[in-house]
Amino acid sequence: MRYCAEITIQLKQGMLDPEGETIQRALTHLGYAVKSAHAAKRLLIELEADDTDDATGMVDEMCRKMLANPVIHNYSIVIR
């Protein structure tokens, strides 16, 4: 079956996020009361798998091997 995986990759709590800090400052300068902003990456991957568990396992492996650095990133996976 064909599945679509939506992967969100974010920096772990406590990691420096210069992109998020820049966004927060820019929004504050525009007059928005923004306390914090965090940058994240969203990926959409279409793949073939036997079932949703198999698709989730494949995408989790992709994240661990290449897409995310487990030392500094958290990631979440949604399979559709």
PDB file of N, CA and C in Angstrom:
ATOM      1  N   MET A   1       0.846  -1.184   0.000  1.00  0.00           N
ATOM      2  CA  MET A   1       0.000   0.000   0.000  1.00  0.00           C
ATOM      3  C   MET A   1       0.886   1.240   0.000  1.00  0.00           C
ATOM      4  N   ARG A   2       0.316   2.313  -0.471  1.00  0.00           N
ATOM      5  CA  ARG A   2       1.029   3.590  -0.498  1.00  0.00           C
ATOM      6  C   ARG A   2       0.629   4.410   0.724  1.00  0.00           C
ATOM      7  N   TYR A   3       1.627   4.959   1.387  1.00  0.00           N
ATOM      8  CA  TYR A   3       1.410   5.788   2.575  1.00  0.00           C
ATOM      9  C   TYR A   3       2.120   7.121   2.406  1.00  0.00           C
ATOM     10  N   CYS A   4       1.633   8.122   3.111  1.00  0.00           N
ATOM     11  CA  CYS A   4       2.290   9.420   3.180  1.00  0.00           C
ATOM     12  C   CYS A   4       2.723   9.619   4.632  1.00  0.00           C
ATOM     13  N   ALA A   5       4.002   9.878   4.820  1.00  0.00           N
ATOM     14  CA  ALA A   5       4.533  10.125   6.158  1.00  0.00           C
ATOM     15  C   ALA A   5       4.812  11.613   6.298  1.00  0.00           C
ATOM     16  N   GLU A   6       4.316  12.193   7.374  1.00  0.00           N
ATOM     17  CA  GLU A   6       4.609  13.577   7.707  1.00  0.00           C
ATOM     18  C   GLU A   6       5.557  13.550   8.904  1.00  0.00           C
ATOM     19  N   ILE A   7       6.751  14.079   8.710  1.00  0.00           N
ATOM     20  CA  ILE A   7       7.778  14.058   9.744  1.00  0.00           C
ATOM     21  C   ILE A   7       8.064  15.487  10.168  1.00  0.00           C
ATOM     22  N   THR A   8       8.044  15.741  11.464  1.00  0.00           N
ATOM     23  CA  THR A   8       8.406  17.043  12.006  1.00  0.00           C
ATOM     24  C   THR A   8       9.662  16.863  12.841  1.00  0.00           C
ATOM     25  N   ILE A   9      10.690  17.649  12.516  1.00  0.00           N
ATOM     26  CA  ILE A   9      11.973  17.566  13.209  1.00  0.00           C
ATOM     27  C   ILE A   9      12.229  18.906  13.890  1.00  0.00           C
ATOM     28  N   GLN A  10      12.478  18.853  15.205  1.00  0.00           N
ATOM     29  CA  GLN A  10      12.716  20.061  15.994  1.00  0.00           C
ATOM     30  C   GLN A  10      13.964  19.876  16.848  1.00  0.00           C
ATOM     31  N   LEU A  11      14.576  21.003  17.209  1.00  0.00           N
ATOM     32  CA  LEU A  11      15.687  20.948  18.147  1.00  0.00           C
ATOM     33  C   LEU A  11      15.167  20.576  19.525  1.00  0.00           C
ATOM     34  N   LYS A  12      15.963  19.817  20.270  1.00  0.00           N
ATOM     35  CA  LYS A  12      15.586  19.465  21.630  1.00  0.00           C
ATOM     36  C   LYS A  12      15.611  20.708  22.521  1.00  0.00           C
ATOM     37  N   GLN A  13      14.859  20.632  23.610  1.00  0.00           N
ATOM     38  CA  GLN A  13      14.820  21.704  24.589  1.00  0.00           C
ATOM     39  C   GLN A  13      16.238  22.015  25.060  1.00  0.00           C
ATOM     40  N   GLY A  14      16.584  23.290  25.109  1.00  0.00           N
ATOM     41  CA  GLY A  14      17.901  23.698  25.581  1.00  0.00           C
ATOM     42  C   GLY A  14      18.942  23.878  24.490  1.00  0.00           C
ATOM     43  N   MET A  15      18.645  23.415  23.280  1.00  0.00           N
ATOM     44  CA  MET A  15      19.577  23.593  22.167  1.00  0.00           C
ATOM     45  C   MET A  15      19.438  25.014  21.628  1.00  0.00           C
ATOM     46  N   LEU A  16      20.540  25.597  21.196  1.00  0.00           N
ATOM     47  CA  LEU A  16      20.492  26.936  20.606  1.00  0.00           C
ATOM     48  C   LEU A  16      19.702  26.891  19.308  1.00  0.00           C
ATOM     49  N   ASP A  17      18.818  27.874  19.143  1.00  0.00           N
ATOM     50  CA  ASP A  17      17.953  27.943  17.961  1.00  0.00           C
ATOM     51  C   ASP A  17      18.038  29.354  17.374  1.00  0.00           C
ATOM     52  N   PRO A  18      19.156  29.671  16.680  1.00  0.00           N
ATOM     53  CA  PRO A  18      19.306  31.029  16.158  1.00  0.00           C
ATOM     54  C   PRO A  18      18.210  31.431  15.175  1.00  0.00           C
ATOM     55  N   GLU A  19      17.714  30.499  14.394  1.00  0.00           N
ATOM     56  CA  GLU A  19      16.641  30.820  13.448  1.00  0.00           C
ATOM     57  C   GLU A  19      15.364  31.196  14.204  1.00  0.00           C
ATOM     58  N   GLY A  20      15.023  30.427  15.229  1.00  0.00           N
ATOM     59  CA  GLY A  20      13.845  30.739  16.035  1.00  0.00           C
ATOM     60  C   GLY A  20      13.986  32.070  16.757  1.00  0.00           C
ATOM     61  N   GLU A  21      15.199  32.357  17.270  1.00  0.00           N
ATOM     62  CA  GLU A  21      15.434  33.631  17.958  1.00  0.00           C
ATOM     63  C   GLU A  21      15.291  34.809  16.997  1.00  0.00           C
ATOM     64  N   THR A  22      15.787  34.644  15.774  1.00  0.00           N
ATOM     65  CA  THR A  22      15.671  35.705  14.770  1.00  0.00           C
ATOM     66  C   THR A  22      14.211  35.952  14.415  1.00  0.00           C
ATOM     67  N   ILE A  23      13.433  34.890  14.269  1.00  0.00           N
ATOM     68  CA  ILE A  23      12.002  35.014  13.969  1.00  0.00           C
ATOM     69  C   ILE A  23      11.295  35.725  15.115  1.00  0.00           C
ATOM     70  N   GLN A  24      11.601  35.338  16.351  1.00  0.00           N
ATOM     71  CA  GLN A  24      10.977  35.954  17.521  1.00  0.00           C
ATOM     72  C   GLN A  24      11.286  37.446  17.568  1.00  0.00           C
ATOM     73  N   ARG A  25      12.562  37.824  17.359  1.00  0.00           N
ATOM     74  CA  ARG A  25      12.939  39.245  17.379  1.00  0.00           C
ATOM     75  C   ARG A  25      12.226  40.017  16.274  1.00  0.00           C
ATOM     76  N   ALA A  26      12.180  39.450  15.069  1.00  0.00           N
ATOM     77  CA  ALA A  26      11.542  40.144  13.948  1.00  0.00           C
ATOM     78  C   ALA A  26      10.055  40.359  14.210  1.00  0.00           C
ATOM     79  N   LEU A  27       9.382  39.343  14.741  1.00  0.00           N
ATOM     80  CA  LEU A  27       7.954  39.486  15.041  1.00  0.00           C
ATOM     81  C   LEU A  27       7.721  40.513  16.145  1.00  0.00           C
ATOM     82  N   THR A  28       8.617  40.538  17.129  1.00  0.00           N
ATOM     83  CA  THR A  28       8.512  41.541  18.200  1.00  0.00           C
ATOM     84  C   THR A  28       8.679  42.940  17.632  1.00  0.00           C
ATOM     85  N   HIS A  29       9.641  43.122  16.722  1.00  0.00           N
ATOM     86  CA  HIS A  29       9.844  44.430  16.088  1.00  0.00           C
ATOM     87  C   HIS A  29       8.634  44.848  15.255  1.00  0.00           C
ATOM     88  N   LEU A  30       7.891  43.899  14.750  1.00  0.00           N
ATOM     89  CA  LEU A  30       6.674  44.207  13.993  1.00  0.00           C
ATOM     90  C   LEU A  30       5.484  44.493  14.903  1.00  0.00           C
ATOM     91  N   GLY A  31       5.687  44.392  16.221  1.00  0.00           N
ATOM     92  CA  GLY A  31       4.640  44.738  17.160  1.00  0.00           C
ATOM     93  C   GLY A  31       3.861  43.564  17.727  1.00  0.00           C
ATOM     94  N   TYR A  32       4.281  42.337  17.446  1.00  0.00           N
ATOM     95  CA  TYR A  32       3.596  41.167  17.985  1.00  0.00           C
ATOM     96  C   TYR A  32       4.222  40.783  19.320  1.00  0.00           C
ATOM     97  N   ALA A  33       3.394  40.424  20.280  1.00  0.00           N
ATOM     98  CA  ALA A  33       3.877  40.035  21.604  1.00  0.00           C
ATOM     99  C   ALA A  33       4.239  38.546  21.589  1.00  0.00           C
ATOM    100  N   VAL A  34       5.374  38.245  20.989  1.00  0.00           N
ATOM    101  CA  VAL A  34       5.822  36.863  20.847  1.00  0.00           C
ATOM    102  C   VAL A  34       6.861  36.577  21.928  1.00  0.00           C
ATOM    103  N   LYS A  35       6.587  35.592  22.773  1.00  0.00           N
ATOM    104  CA  LYS A  35       7.527  35.245  23.840  1.00  0.00           C
ATOM    105  C   LYS A  35       8.635  34.337  23.343  1.00  0.00           C
ATOM    106  N   SER A  36       8.337  33.458  22.396  1.00  0.00           N
ATOM    107  CA  SER A  36       9.369  32.601  21.827  1.00  0.00           C
ATOM    108  C   SER A  36       8.895  32.058  20.485  1.00  0.00           C
ATOM    109  N   ALA A  37       9.854  31.666  19.671  1.00  0.00           N
ATOM    110  CA  ALA A  37       9.570  31.035  18.387  1.00  0.00           C
ATOM    111  C   ALA A  37      10.609  29.941  18.198  1.00  0.00           C
ATOM    112  N   HIS A  38      10.209  28.844  17.625  1.00  0.00           N
ATOM    113  CA  HIS A  38      11.106  27.721  17.407  1.00  0.00           C
ATOM    114  C   HIS A  38      11.001  27.274  15.953  1.00  0.00           C
ATOM    115  N   ALA A  39      12.151  27.117  15.332  1.00  0.00           N
ATOM    116  CA  ALA A  39      12.181  26.643  13.953  1.00  0.00           C
ATOM    117  C   ALA A  39      12.054  25.126  13.940  1.00  0.00           C
ATOM    118  N   ALA A  40      11.371  24.610  12.941  1.00  0.00           N
ATOM    119  CA  ALA A  40      11.217  23.166  12.779  1.00  0.00           C
ATOM    120  C   ALA A  40      11.216  22.853  11.288  1.00  0.00           C
ATOM    121  N   LYS A  41      11.508  21.611  10.968  1.00  0.00           N
ATOM    122  CA  LYS A  41      11.491  21.150   9.583  1.00  0.00           C
ATOM    123  C   LYS A  41      10.359  20.141   9.442  1.00  0.00           C
ATOM    124  N   ARG A  42       9.571  20.278   8.390  1.00  0.00           N
ATOM    125  CA  ARG A  42       8.482  19.340   8.111  1.00  0.00           C
ATOM    126  C   ARG A  42       8.770  18.682   6.771  1.00  0.00           C
ATOM    127  N   LEU A  43       8.766  17.349   6.771  1.00  0.00           N
ATOM    128  CA  LEU A  43       9.022  16.590   5.563  1.00  0.00           C
ATOM    129  C   LEU A  43       7.817  15.724   5.238  1.00  0.00           C
ATOM    130  N   LEU A  44       7.517  15.604   3.967  1.00  0.00           N
ATOM    131  CA  LEU A  44       6.460  14.707   3.498  1.00  0.00           C
ATOM    132  C   LEU A  44       7.111  13.669   2.597  1.00  0.00           C
ATOM    133  N   ILE A  45       6.921  12.414   2.936  1.00  0.00           N
ATOM    134  CA  ILE A  45       7.518  11.323   2.175  1.00  0.00           C
ATOM    135  C   ILE A  45       6.430  10.325   1.807  1.00  0.00           C
ATOM    136  N   GLU A  46       6.339   9.992   0.528  1.00  0.00           N
ATOM    137  CA  GLU A  46       5.426   8.935   0.077  1.00  0.00           C
ATOM    138  C   GLU A  46       6.227   7.643  -0.018  1.00  0.00           C
ATOM    139  N   LEU A  47       5.665   6.562   0.507  1.00  0.00           N
ATOM    140  CA  LEU A  47       6.375   5.292   0.490  1.00  0.00           C
ATOM    141  C   LEU A  47       5.410   4.135   0.376  1.00  0.00           C
ATOM    142  N   GLU A  48       5.941   3.002  -0.042  1.00  0.00           N
ATOM    143  CA  GLU A  48       5.193   1.756  -0.128  1.00  0.00           C
ATOM    144  C   GLU A  48       5.523   0.908   1.092  1.00  0.00           C
ATOM    145  N   ALA A  49       4.500   0.348   1.735  1.00  0.00           N
ATOM    146  CA  ALA A  49       4.703  -0.520   2.894  1.00  0.00           C
ATOM    147  C   ALA A  49       3.519  -1.472   2.985  1.00  0.00           C
ATOM    148  N   ASP A  50       3.711  -2.563   3.737  1.00  0.00           N
ATOM    149  CA  ASP A  50       2.650  -3.558   3.902  1.00  0.00           C
ATOM    150  C   ASP A  50       1.495  -3.042   4.751  1.00  0.00           C
ATOM    151  N   ASP A  51       1.820  -2.275   5.801  1.00  0.00           N
ATOM    152  CA  ASP A  51       0.790  -1.734   6.693  1.00  0.00           C
ATOM    153  C   ASP A  51       1.348  -0.499   7.406  1.00  0.00           C
ATOM    154  N   THR A  52       0.541   0.151   8.240  1.00  0.00           N
ATOM    155  CA  THR A  52       0.983   1.384   8.899  1.00  0.00           C
ATOM    156  C   THR A  52       2.136   1.135   9.875  1.00  0.00           C
ATOM    157  N   ASP A  53       2.133  -0.015  10.544  1.00  0.00           N
ATOM    158  CA  ASP A  53       3.243  -0.318  11.455  1.00  0.00           C
ATOM    159  C   ASP A  53       4.554  -0.439  10.689  1.00  0.00           C
ATOM    160  N   ASP A  54       4.514  -1.099   9.538  1.00  0.00           N
ATOM    161  CA  ASP A  54       5.701  -1.249   8.698  1.00  0.00           C
ATOM    162  C   ASP A  54       6.158   0.119   8.194  1.00  0.00           C
ATOM    163  N   ALA A  55       5.210   0.958   7.767  1.00  0.00           N
ATOM    164  CA  ALA A  55       5.543   2.303   7.280  1.00  0.00           C
ATOM    165  C   ALA A  55       6.166   3.137   8.394  1.00  0.00           C
ATOM    166  N   THR A  56       5.594   3.065   9.585  1.00  0.00           N
ATOM    167  CA  THR A  56       6.138   3.815  10.723  1.00  0.00           C
ATOM    168  C   THR A  56       7.555   3.354  11.037  1.00  0.00           C
ATOM    169  N   GLY A  57       7.782   2.061  11.032  1.00  0.00           N
ATOM    170  CA  GLY A  57       9.110   1.528  11.295  1.00  0.00           C
ATOM    171  C   GLY A  57      10.125   1.983  10.268  1.00  0.00           C
ATOM    172  N   MET A  58       9.738   1.980   8.998  1.00  0.00           N
ATOM    173  CA  MET A  58      10.636   2.412   7.933  1.00  0.00           C
ATOM    174  C   MET A  58      10.996   3.890   8.090  1.00  0.00           C
ATOM    175  N   VAL A  59       9.992   4.714   8.373  1.00  0.00           N
ATOM    176  CA  VAL A  59      10.230   6.152   8.500  1.00  0.00           C
ATOM    177  C   VAL A  59      11.057   6.440   9.756  1.00  0.00           C
ATOM    178  N   ASP A  60      10.796   5.728  10.839  1.00  0.00           N
ATOM    179  CA  ASP A  60      11.593   5.900  12.051  1.00  0.00           C
ATOM    180  C   ASP A  60      13.059   5.577  11.765  1.00  0.00           C
ATOM    181  N   GLU A  61      13.307   4.516  11.021  1.00  0.00           N
ATOM    182  CA  GLU A  61      14.670   4.147  10.646  1.00  0.00           C
ATOM    183  C   GLU A  61      15.317   5.233   9.789  1.00  0.00           C
ATOM    184  N   MET A  62      14.543   5.806   8.853  1.00  0.00           N
ATOM    185  CA  MET A  62      15.053   6.904   8.018  1.00  0.00           C
ATOM    186  C   MET A  62      15.482   8.082   8.891  1.00  0.00           C
ATOM    187  N   CYS A  63      14.659   8.396   9.886  1.00  0.00           N
ATOM    188  CA  CYS A  63      14.973   9.516  10.781  1.00  0.00           C
ATOM    189  C   CYS A  63      16.240   9.242  11.577  1.00  0.00           C
ATOM    190  N   ARG A  64      16.340   8.041  12.132  1.00  0.00           N
ATOM    191  CA  ARG A  64      17.509   7.702  12.947  1.00  0.00           C
ATOM    192  C   ARG A  64      18.791   7.647  12.126  1.00  0.00           C
ATOM    193  N   LYS A  65      18.698   7.174  10.871  1.00  0.00           N
ATOM    194  CA  LYS A  65      19.890   7.002  10.045  1.00  0.00           C
ATOM    195  C   LYS A  65      20.323   8.275   9.316  1.00  0.00           C
ATOM    196  N   MET A  66      19.356   9.122   8.927  1.00  0.00           N
ATOM    197  CA  MET A  66      19.743  10.232   8.072  1.00  0.00           C
ATOM    198  C   MET A  66      19.042  11.556   8.348  1.00  0.00           C
ATOM    199  N   LEU A  67      17.754  11.545   8.593  1.00  0.00           N
ATOM    200  CA  LEU A  67      16.998  12.793   8.601  1.00  0.00           C
ATOM    201  C   LEU A  67      17.162  13.636   9.859  1.00  0.00           C
ATOM    202  N   ALA A  68      17.390  13.009  11.002  1.00  0.00           N
ATOM    203  CA  ALA A  68      17.509  13.735  12.265  1.00  0.00           C
ATOM    204  C   ALA A  68      18.775  13.296  12.993  1.00  0.00           C
ATOM    205  N   ASN A  69      19.338  14.203  13.747  1.00  0.00           N
ATOM    206  CA  ASN A  69      20.466  13.874  14.609  1.00  0.00           C
ATOM    207  C   ASN A  69      19.894  13.626  16.002  1.00  0.00           C
ATOM    208  N   PRO A  70      19.890  12.395  16.487  1.00  0.00           N
ATOM    209  CA  PRO A  70      19.240  12.083  17.762  1.00  0.00           C
ATOM    210  C   PRO A  70      19.861  12.783  18.968  1.00  0.00           C
ATOM    211  N   VAL A  71      21.056  13.315  18.821  1.00  0.00           N
ATOM    212  CA  VAL A  71      21.692  14.034  19.920  1.00  0.00           C
ATOM    213  C   VAL A  71      21.026  15.394  20.126  1.00  0.00           C
ATOM    214  N   ILE A  72      20.627  16.058  19.027  1.00  0.00           N
ATOM    215  CA  ILE A  72      20.088  17.413  19.143  1.00  0.00           C
ATOM    216  C   ILE A  72      18.634  17.563  18.697  1.00  0.00           C
ATOM    217  N   HIS A  73      18.074  16.546  18.044  1.00  0.00           N
ATOM    218  CA  HIS A  73      16.712  16.659  17.500  1.00  0.00           C
ATOM    219  C   HIS A  73      15.722  15.688  18.147  1.00  0.00           C
ATOM    220  N   ASN A  74      14.489  16.132  18.224  1.00  0.00           N
ATOM    221  CA  ASN A  74      13.332  15.268  18.460  1.00  0.00           C
ATOM    222  C   ASN A  74      12.572  15.225  17.143  1.00  0.00           C
ATOM    223  N   TYR A  75      11.866  14.137  16.903  1.00  0.00           N
ATOM    224  CA  TYR A  75      11.048  14.083  15.699  1.00  0.00           C
ATOM    225  C   TYR A  75       9.752  13.342  15.996  1.00  0.00           C
ATOM    226  N   SER A  76       8.743  13.673  15.207  1.00  0.00           N
ATOM    227  CA  SER A  76       7.459  12.973  15.314  1.00  0.00           C
ATOM    228  C   SER A  76       7.062  12.532  13.920  1.00  0.00           C
ATOM    229  N   ILE A  77       6.306  11.439  13.873  1.00  0.00           N
ATOM    230  CA  ILE A  77       5.893  10.838  12.603  1.00  0.00           C
ATOM    231  C   ILE A  77       4.382  10.648  12.610  1.00  0.00           C
ATOM    232  N   VAL A  78       3.728  11.078  11.546  1.00  0.00           N
ATOM    233  CA  VAL A  78       2.306  10.820  11.340  1.00  0.00           C
ATOM    234  C   VAL A  78       2.183  10.102  10.001  1.00  0.00           C
ATOM    235  N   ILE A  79       1.564   8.949   9.997  1.00  0.00           N
ATOM    236  CA  ILE A  79       1.375   8.169   8.763  1.00  0.00           C
ATOM    237  C   ILE A  79      -0.073   8.304   8.317  1.00  0.00           C
ATOM    238  N   ARG A  80      -0.257   8.607   7.039  1.00  0.00           N
ATOM    239  CA  ARG A  80      -1.604   8.704   6.456  1.00  0.00           C
ATOM    240  C   ARG A  80      -1.701   7.757   5.285  1.00  0.00           C
TER     241      ARG A  80
END
